[in-house]
Amino acid sequence: MIIIAGLGNPGAKYEKNRHNIGFMAADAIAQRWRFGSPRAKFQSVIQEGEVEGTRVLLMKPQTFMNSSGNAVGEAARFYKIAPKDVIVFHDEIDLAPGRFRMKTGGGAAGQNGVRSLISQLGPDFRRARMGVGHPGEAALVHGHVLSDFHKAEQPWLEALLNACADALPFAVAGEDERYQGEVMRLAPAPKFSPRQAAQAAKGE
């Protein structure tokens, strides 16, 4: 069994925010693999299912982003799941919009949901990092991640979400490098110059 957690903030106010791309990935996975009905458990909305024979607990923590580790840690302890069998989908401002990278271990790089998970699980869980771009100035980051994706971003966003779901068997099998490659093959990131990326992040 593995745990897949998508990070985000609960409530309609945050539903389409860049910070909620992890929730969006979880929804795409549930739909693609026909997981069971959502229900409340482990301070989360959970769904259970299988991906090519592997049992998966899919989680969307309802603790708000900065306390995501409380929910995922509770589930991991209950099922005695090792960090290597936890995959966390989250937004990453240090990746250009539409870029995707898998990573195991390391620090939080300013992502408070990841920091919370490290406090509960240690650093050695697997991170599915979904690029949302950087607004260009540190003071603008908070507003950037808590603002909605623009209409012009929807094509790459939809493609990335679908690719993450379609290629999931590689991740479930522990083949993270192959998973990363297949996601980017299915959903090539849009090509931006640094100036264009900053403009897109600001909605210009």
C-alpha atoms as a PDB file:
ATOM      1  CA  MET A   1       0.000   0.000   0.000  1.00  0.00           C
ATOM      2  CA  ILE A   2       1.112   3.529  -0.685  1.00  0.00           C
ATOM      3  CA  ILE A   3      -0.188   6.936   0.338  1.00  0.00           C
ATOM      4  CA  ILE A   4      -0.615   9.646  -2.269  1.00  0.00           C
ATOM      5  CA  ALA A   5      -1.310  13.075  -0.800  1.00  0.00           C
ATOM      6  CA  GLY A   6      -2.217  16.170  -2.751  1.00  0.00           C
ATOM      7  CA  LEU A   7      -1.573  19.385  -0.851  1.00  0.00           C
ATOM      8  CA  GLY A   8      -3.843  22.424  -0.827  1.00  0.00           C
ATOM      9  CA  ASN A   9      -6.243  24.486   1.240  1.00  0.00           C
ATOM     10  CA  PRO A  10      -9.858  23.422   1.816  1.00  0.00           C
ATOM     11  CA  GLY A  11     -12.828  25.528   0.778  1.00  0.00           C
ATOM     12  CA  ALA A  12     -14.231  27.128  -2.365  1.00  0.00           C
ATOM     13  CA  LYS A  13     -12.182  30.287  -1.779  1.00  0.00           C
ATOM     14  CA  TYR A  14      -8.957  28.413  -2.536  1.00  0.00           C
ATOM     15  CA  GLU A  15     -10.212  25.804  -4.986  1.00  0.00           C
ATOM     16  CA  LYS A  16      -8.582  27.199  -8.157  1.00  0.00           C
ATOM     17  CA  ASN A  17      -5.452  28.673  -6.511  1.00  0.00           C
ATOM     18  CA  ARG A  18      -1.970  27.711  -7.690  1.00  0.00           C
ATOM     19  CA  HIS A  19      -1.337  26.507  -4.137  1.00  0.00           C
ATOM     20  CA  ASN A  20      -4.064  23.901  -4.706  1.00  0.00           C
ATOM     21  CA  ILE A  21      -2.494  22.167  -7.676  1.00  0.00           C
ATOM     22  CA  GLY A  22      -1.834  19.190  -5.389  1.00  0.00           C
ATOM     23  CA  PHE A  23      -5.565  18.858  -4.704  1.00  0.00           C
ATOM     24  CA  MET A  24      -6.168  19.088  -8.456  1.00  0.00           C
ATOM     25  CA  ALA A  25      -3.684  16.264  -9.077  1.00  0.00           C
ATOM     26  CA  ALA A  26      -5.412  14.099  -6.475  1.00  0.00           C
ATOM     27  CA  ASP A  27      -8.772  14.689  -8.166  1.00  0.00           C
ATOM     28  CA  ALA A  28      -7.320  13.783 -11.576  1.00  0.00           C
ATOM     29  CA  ILE A  29      -5.859  10.563 -10.148  1.00  0.00           C
ATOM     30  CA  ALA A  30      -9.139   9.596  -8.481  1.00  0.00           C
ATOM     31  CA  GLN A  31     -11.045  10.125 -11.715  1.00  0.00           C
ATOM     32  CA  ARG A  32      -8.532   8.368 -13.979  1.00  0.00           C
ATOM     33  CA  TRP A  33      -8.261   5.274 -11.779  1.00  0.00           C
ATOM     34  CA  ARG A  34     -11.899   5.242 -10.610  1.00  0.00           C
ATOM     35  CA  PHE A  35     -11.211   5.412  -6.904  1.00  0.00           C
ATOM     36  CA  GLY A  36     -13.999   4.979  -4.368  1.00  0.00           C
ATOM     37  CA  SER A  37     -16.253   7.734  -3.088  1.00  0.00           C
ATOM     38  CA  PRO A  38     -14.681  10.512  -1.005  1.00  0.00           C
ATOM     39  CA  ARG A  39     -15.050  10.301   2.764  1.00  0.00           C
ATOM     40  CA  ALA A  40     -13.624  12.008   5.826  1.00  0.00           C
ATOM     41  CA  LYS A  41     -10.782  10.327   7.737  1.00  0.00           C
ATOM     42  CA  PHE A  42      -7.326  11.290   9.041  1.00  0.00           C
ATOM     43  CA  GLN A  43      -8.259  14.997   9.027  1.00  0.00           C
ATOM     44  CA  SER A  44      -8.588  14.623   5.248  1.00  0.00           C
ATOM     45  CA  VAL A  45     -10.866  13.823   2.392  1.00  0.00           C
ATOM     46  CA  ILE A  46      -9.717  10.342   1.415  1.00  0.00           C
ATOM     47  CA  GLN A  47     -10.427   7.980  -1.447  1.00  0.00           C
ATOM     48  CA  GLU A  48      -9.232   4.422  -1.793  1.00  0.00           C
ATOM     49  CA  GLY A  49      -8.435   2.475  -4.920  1.00  0.00           C
ATOM     50  CA  GLU A  50      -5.912   0.453  -6.852  1.00  0.00           C
ATOM     51  CA  VAL A  51      -3.392   1.341  -9.527  1.00  0.00           C
ATOM     52  CA  GLU A  52      -2.423  -1.766 -11.478  1.00  0.00           C
ATOM     53  CA  GLY A  53      -2.795  -4.000  -8.439  1.00  0.00           C
ATOM     54  CA  THR A  54      -1.256  -1.705  -5.826  1.00  0.00           C
ATOM     55  CA  ARG A  55      -3.564  -0.424  -3.111  1.00  0.00           C
ATOM     56  CA  VAL A  56      -3.530   3.365  -2.802  1.00  0.00           C
ATOM     57  CA  LEU A  57      -4.836   5.703  -0.110  1.00  0.00           C
ATOM     58  CA  LEU A  58      -5.424   9.082  -1.732  1.00  0.00           C
ATOM     59  CA  MET A  59      -5.529  12.046   0.649  1.00  0.00           C
ATOM     60  CA  LYS A  60      -6.444  15.724   0.484  1.00  0.00           C
ATOM     61  CA  PRO A  61      -5.602  17.067   3.964  1.00  0.00           C
ATOM     62  CA  GLN A  62      -8.215  19.481   5.317  1.00  0.00           C
ATOM     63  CA  THR A  63      -5.847  20.968   7.904  1.00  0.00           C
ATOM     64  CA  PHE A  64      -4.819  23.839   5.611  1.00  0.00           C
ATOM     65  CA  MET A  65      -1.502  23.694   3.792  1.00  0.00           C
ATOM     66  CA  ASN A  66       0.794  24.629   6.659  1.00  0.00           C
ATOM     67  CA  SER A  67      -0.381  21.690   8.817  1.00  0.00           C
ATOM     68  CA  SER A  68      -0.601  19.040   6.090  1.00  0.00           C
ATOM     69  CA  GLY A  69       1.873  16.815   7.903  1.00  0.00           C
ATOM     70  CA  ASN A  70      -0.535  16.288  10.800  1.00  0.00           C
ATOM     71  CA  ALA A  71      -2.995  14.532   8.489  1.00  0.00           C
ATOM     72  CA  VAL A  72      -0.527  12.544   6.394  1.00  0.00           C
ATOM     73  CA  GLY A  73       1.518  11.585   9.442  1.00  0.00           C
ATOM     74  CA  GLU A  74      -1.587  10.246  11.175  1.00  0.00           C
ATOM     75  CA  ALA A  75      -2.433   8.017   8.215  1.00  0.00           C
ATOM     76  CA  ALA A  76       1.151   6.836   7.759  1.00  0.00           C
ATOM     77  CA  ARG A  77       1.403   5.824  11.403  1.00  0.00           C
ATOM     78  CA  PHE A  78      -1.980   4.072  11.337  1.00  0.00           C
ATOM     79  CA  TYR A  79      -1.036   1.933   8.321  1.00  0.00           C
ATOM     80  CA  LYS A  80       2.663   1.697   9.257  1.00  0.00           C
ATOM     81  CA  ILE A  81       3.644   3.235   5.908  1.00  0.00           C
ATOM     82  CA  ALA A  82       7.331   4.076   5.449  1.00  0.00           C
ATOM     83  CA  PRO A  83       8.221   7.536   4.054  1.00  0.00           C
ATOM     84  CA  LYS A  84       9.446   5.944   0.807  1.00  0.00           C
ATOM     85  CA  ASP A  85       5.866   4.819   0.203  1.00  0.00           C
ATOM     86  CA  VAL A  86       4.398   8.324   0.578  1.00  0.00           C
ATOM     87  CA  ILE A  87       4.110  10.474  -2.574  1.00  0.00           C
ATOM     88  CA  VAL A  88       3.173  14.124  -2.107  1.00  0.00           C
ATOM     89  CA  PHE A  89       1.963  16.328  -4.974  1.00  0.00           C
ATOM     90  CA  HIS A  90       2.530  20.035  -4.364  1.00  0.00           C
ATOM     91  CA  ASP A  91       3.111  23.380  -6.051  1.00  0.00           C
ATOM     92  CA  GLU A  92       6.701  24.473  -6.638  1.00  0.00           C
ATOM     93  CA  ILE A  93       7.541  28.122  -7.306  1.00  0.00           C
ATOM     94  CA  ASP A  94      11.153  27.290  -8.159  1.00  0.00           C
ATOM     95  CA  LEU A  95      10.009  25.407 -11.269  1.00  0.00           C
ATOM     96  CA  ALA A  96       8.711  27.211 -14.345  1.00  0.00           C
ATOM     97  CA  PRO A  97       4.984  26.857 -15.054  1.00  0.00           C
ATOM     98  CA  GLY A  98       4.168  23.351 -16.266  1.00  0.00           C
ATOM     99  CA  ARG A  99       7.517  21.805 -15.315  1.00  0.00           C
ATOM    100  CA  PHE A 100       7.457  18.596 -13.290  1.00  0.00           C
ATOM    101  CA  ARG A 101      10.136  17.008 -11.148  1.00  0.00           C
ATOM    102  CA  MET A 102      10.255  14.071  -8.746  1.00  0.00           C
ATOM    103  CA  LYS A 103      12.472  14.306  -5.697  1.00  0.00           C
ATOM    104  CA  THR A 104      13.087  12.207  -2.592  1.00  0.00           C
ATOM    105  CA  GLY A 105      14.375  13.818   0.565  1.00  0.00           C
ATOM    106  CA  GLY A 106      15.921  17.234   1.063  1.00  0.00           C
ATOM    107  CA  GLY A 107      14.556  20.377   2.655  1.00  0.00           C
ATOM    108  CA  ALA A 108      11.296  22.252   2.285  1.00  0.00           C
ATOM    109  CA  ALA A 109      12.587  25.045  -0.008  1.00  0.00           C
ATOM    110  CA  GLY A 110      10.086  27.432   1.564  1.00  0.00           C
ATOM    111  CA  GLN A 111       7.052  25.204   0.935  1.00  0.00           C
ATOM    112  CA  ASN A 112       5.263  25.165   4.293  1.00  0.00           C
ATOM    113  CA  GLY A 113       3.201  22.074   3.533  1.00  0.00           C
ATOM    114  CA  VAL A 114       6.384  20.139   2.800  1.00  0.00           C
ATOM    115  CA  ARG A 115       7.954  21.551   5.958  1.00  0.00           C
ATOM    116  CA  SER A 116       5.003  20.230   7.965  1.00  0.00           C
ATOM    117  CA  LEU A 117       5.385  16.803   6.396  1.00  0.00           C
ATOM    118  CA  ILE A 118       9.089  16.713   7.209  1.00  0.00           C
ATOM    119  CA  SER A 119       8.238  17.423  10.847  1.00  0.00           C
ATOM    120  CA  GLN A 120       5.957  14.367  10.924  1.00  0.00           C
ATOM    121  CA  LEU A 121       7.613  11.879   8.561  1.00  0.00           C
ATOM    122  CA  GLY A 122      11.216  12.992   8.325  1.00  0.00           C
ATOM    123  CA  PRO A 123      12.594  14.136   4.964  1.00  0.00           C
ATOM    124  CA  ASP A 124      12.601  10.867   3.024  1.00  0.00           C
ATOM    125  CA  PHE A 125       9.148  10.897   1.446  1.00  0.00           C
ATOM    126  CA  ARG A 126       8.752  11.391  -2.311  1.00  0.00           C
ATOM    127  CA  ARG A 127       7.786  14.801  -3.703  1.00  0.00           C
ATOM    128  CA  ALA A 128       5.977  15.299  -7.006  1.00  0.00           C
ATOM    129  CA  ARG A 129       6.859  18.948  -7.623  1.00  0.00           C
ATOM    130  CA  MET A 130       4.515  20.786  -9.974  1.00  0.00           C
ATOM    131  CA  GLY A 131       5.854  24.069 -11.325  1.00  0.00           C
ATOM    132  CA  VAL A 132       3.730  27.181 -10.938  1.00  0.00           C
ATOM    133  CA  GLY A 133       6.486  29.725 -11.569  1.00  0.00           C
ATOM    134  CA  HIS A 134       7.877  32.564  -9.473  1.00  0.00           C
ATOM    135  CA  PRO A 135       6.399  36.086  -9.635  1.00  0.00           C
ATOM    136  CA  GLY A 136       9.885  37.585  -9.691  1.00  0.00           C
ATOM    137  CA  GLU A 137       9.919  39.190  -6.247  1.00  0.00           C
ATOM    138  CA  ALA A 138       9.813  37.530  -2.836  1.00  0.00           C
ATOM    139  CA  ALA A 139       7.171  39.967  -1.616  1.00  0.00           C
ATOM    140  CA  LEU A 140       4.797  38.772  -4.350  1.00  0.00           C
ATOM    141  CA  VAL A 141       5.068  35.033  -3.669  1.00  0.00           C
ATOM    142  CA  HIS A 142       2.221  34.818  -1.136  1.00  0.00           C
ATOM    143  CA  GLY A 143      -0.246  36.538  -3.428  1.00  0.00           C
ATOM    144  CA  HIS A 144       0.971  34.513  -6.401  1.00  0.00           C
ATOM    145  CA  VAL A 145       0.368  31.064  -4.908  1.00  0.00           C
ATOM    146  CA  LEU A 146      -2.962  32.136  -3.393  1.00  0.00           C
ATOM    147  CA  SER A 147      -4.293  33.482  -6.692  1.00  0.00           C
ATOM    148  CA  ASP A 148      -6.136  31.471  -9.319  1.00  0.00           C
ATOM    149  CA  PHE A 149      -4.546  30.067 -12.444  1.00  0.00           C
ATOM    150  CA  HIS A 150      -5.173  32.359 -15.402  1.00  0.00           C
ATOM    151  CA  LYS A 151      -7.281  31.286 -18.349  1.00  0.00           C
ATOM    152  CA  ALA A 152      -4.167  31.233 -20.547  1.00  0.00           C
ATOM    153  CA  GLU A 153      -2.578  28.680 -18.193  1.00  0.00           C
ATOM    154  CA  GLN A 154      -5.424  26.164 -18.414  1.00  0.00           C
ATOM    155  CA  PRO A 155      -4.077  24.173 -21.412  1.00  0.00           C
ATOM    156  CA  TRP A 156      -0.753  23.294 -19.788  1.00  0.00           C
ATOM    157  CA  LEU A 157      -2.400  22.809 -16.395  1.00  0.00           C
ATOM    158  CA  GLU A 158      -4.958  20.331 -17.715  1.00  0.00           C
ATOM    159  CA  ALA A 159      -2.291  18.488 -19.695  1.00  0.00           C
ATOM    160  CA  LEU A 160      -0.014  18.219 -16.645  1.00  0.00           C
ATOM    161  CA  LEU A 161      -2.790  16.949 -14.370  1.00  0.00           C
ATOM    162  CA  ASN A 162      -3.841  14.319 -16.894  1.00  0.00           C
ATOM    163  CA  ALA A 163      -0.244  13.226 -17.456  1.00  0.00           C
ATOM    164  CA  CYS A 164       0.369  12.831 -13.723  1.00  0.00           C
ATOM    165  CA  ALA A 165      -2.665  10.554 -13.536  1.00  0.00           C
ATOM    166  CA  ASP A 166      -2.003   8.577 -16.717  1.00  0.00           C
ATOM    167  CA  ALA A 167       1.653   7.844 -15.927  1.00  0.00           C
ATOM    168  CA  LEU A 168       0.993   6.999 -12.265  1.00  0.00           C
ATOM    169  CA  PRO A 169       1.809   3.256 -12.512  1.00  0.00           C
ATOM    170  CA  PHE A 170       5.493   4.158 -12.820  1.00  0.00           C
ATOM    171  CA  ALA A 171       5.380   6.129  -9.552  1.00  0.00           C
ATOM    172  CA  VAL A 172       3.426   3.423  -7.783  1.00  0.00           C
ATOM    173  CA  ALA A 173       6.094   0.931  -8.868  1.00  0.00           C
ATOM    174  CA  GLY A 174       8.791   3.166  -7.379  1.00  0.00           C
ATOM    175  CA  GLU A 175      10.202   4.196 -10.771  1.00  0.00           C
ATOM    176  CA  ASP A 176      10.303   7.922 -10.083  1.00  0.00           C
ATOM    177  CA  GLU A 177      12.764   8.855 -12.823  1.00  0.00           C
ATOM    178  CA  ARG A 178      10.698   7.010 -15.406  1.00  0.00           C
ATOM    179  CA  TYR A 179       7.510   8.585 -14.035  1.00  0.00           C
ATOM    180  CA  GLN A 180       8.996  12.062 -14.325  1.00  0.00           C
ATOM    181  CA  GLY A 181      10.077  11.394 -17.893  1.00  0.00           C
ATOM    182  CA  GLU A 182       6.701  10.040 -18.934  1.00  0.00           C
ATOM    183  CA  VAL A 183       4.811  12.963 -17.388  1.00  0.00           C
ATOM    184  CA  MET A 184       6.981  15.438 -19.268  1.00  0.00           C
ATOM    185  CA  ARG A 185       6.652  13.424 -22.477  1.00  0.00           C
ATOM    186  CA  LEU A 186       2.859  13.511 -22.212  1.00  0.00           C
ATOM    187  CA  ALA A 187       2.733  17.146 -21.085  1.00  0.00           C
ATOM    188  CA  PRO A 188       5.750  19.130 -22.312  1.00  0.00           C
ATOM    189  CA  ALA A 189       6.103  22.340 -20.337  1.00  0.00           C
ATOM    190  CA  PRO A 190       5.365  25.568 -22.213  1.00  0.00           C
ATOM    191  CA  LYS A 191       8.469  27.408 -23.349  1.00  0.00           C
ATOM    192  CA  PHE A 192       8.844  30.785 -21.638  1.00  0.00           C
ATOM    193  CA  SER A 193      11.667  33.272 -21.611  1.00  0.00           C
ATOM    194  CA  PRO A 194      12.403  34.462 -18.037  1.00  0.00           C
ATOM    195  CA  ARG A 195      10.548  37.696 -18.811  1.00  0.00           C
ATOM    196  CA  GLN A 196       7.531  35.858 -20.223  1.00  0.00           C
ATOM    197  CA  ALA A 197       7.430  33.532 -17.205  1.00  0.00           C
ATOM    198  CA  ALA A 198       7.407  36.510 -14.841  1.00  0.00           C
ATOM    199  CA  GLN A 199       4.681  38.205 -16.885  1.00  0.00           C
ATOM    200  CA  ALA A 200       2.568  35.045 -16.907  1.00  0.00           C
ATOM    201  CA  ALA A 201       2.992  34.690 -13.159  1.00  0.00           C
ATOM    202  CA  LYS A 202       1.760  38.263 -12.691  1.00  0.00           C
ATOM    203  CA  GLY A 203      -1.145  37.750 -15.087  1.00  0.00           C
ATOM    204  CA  GLU A 204       0.150  40.240 -17.648  1.00  0.00           C
END
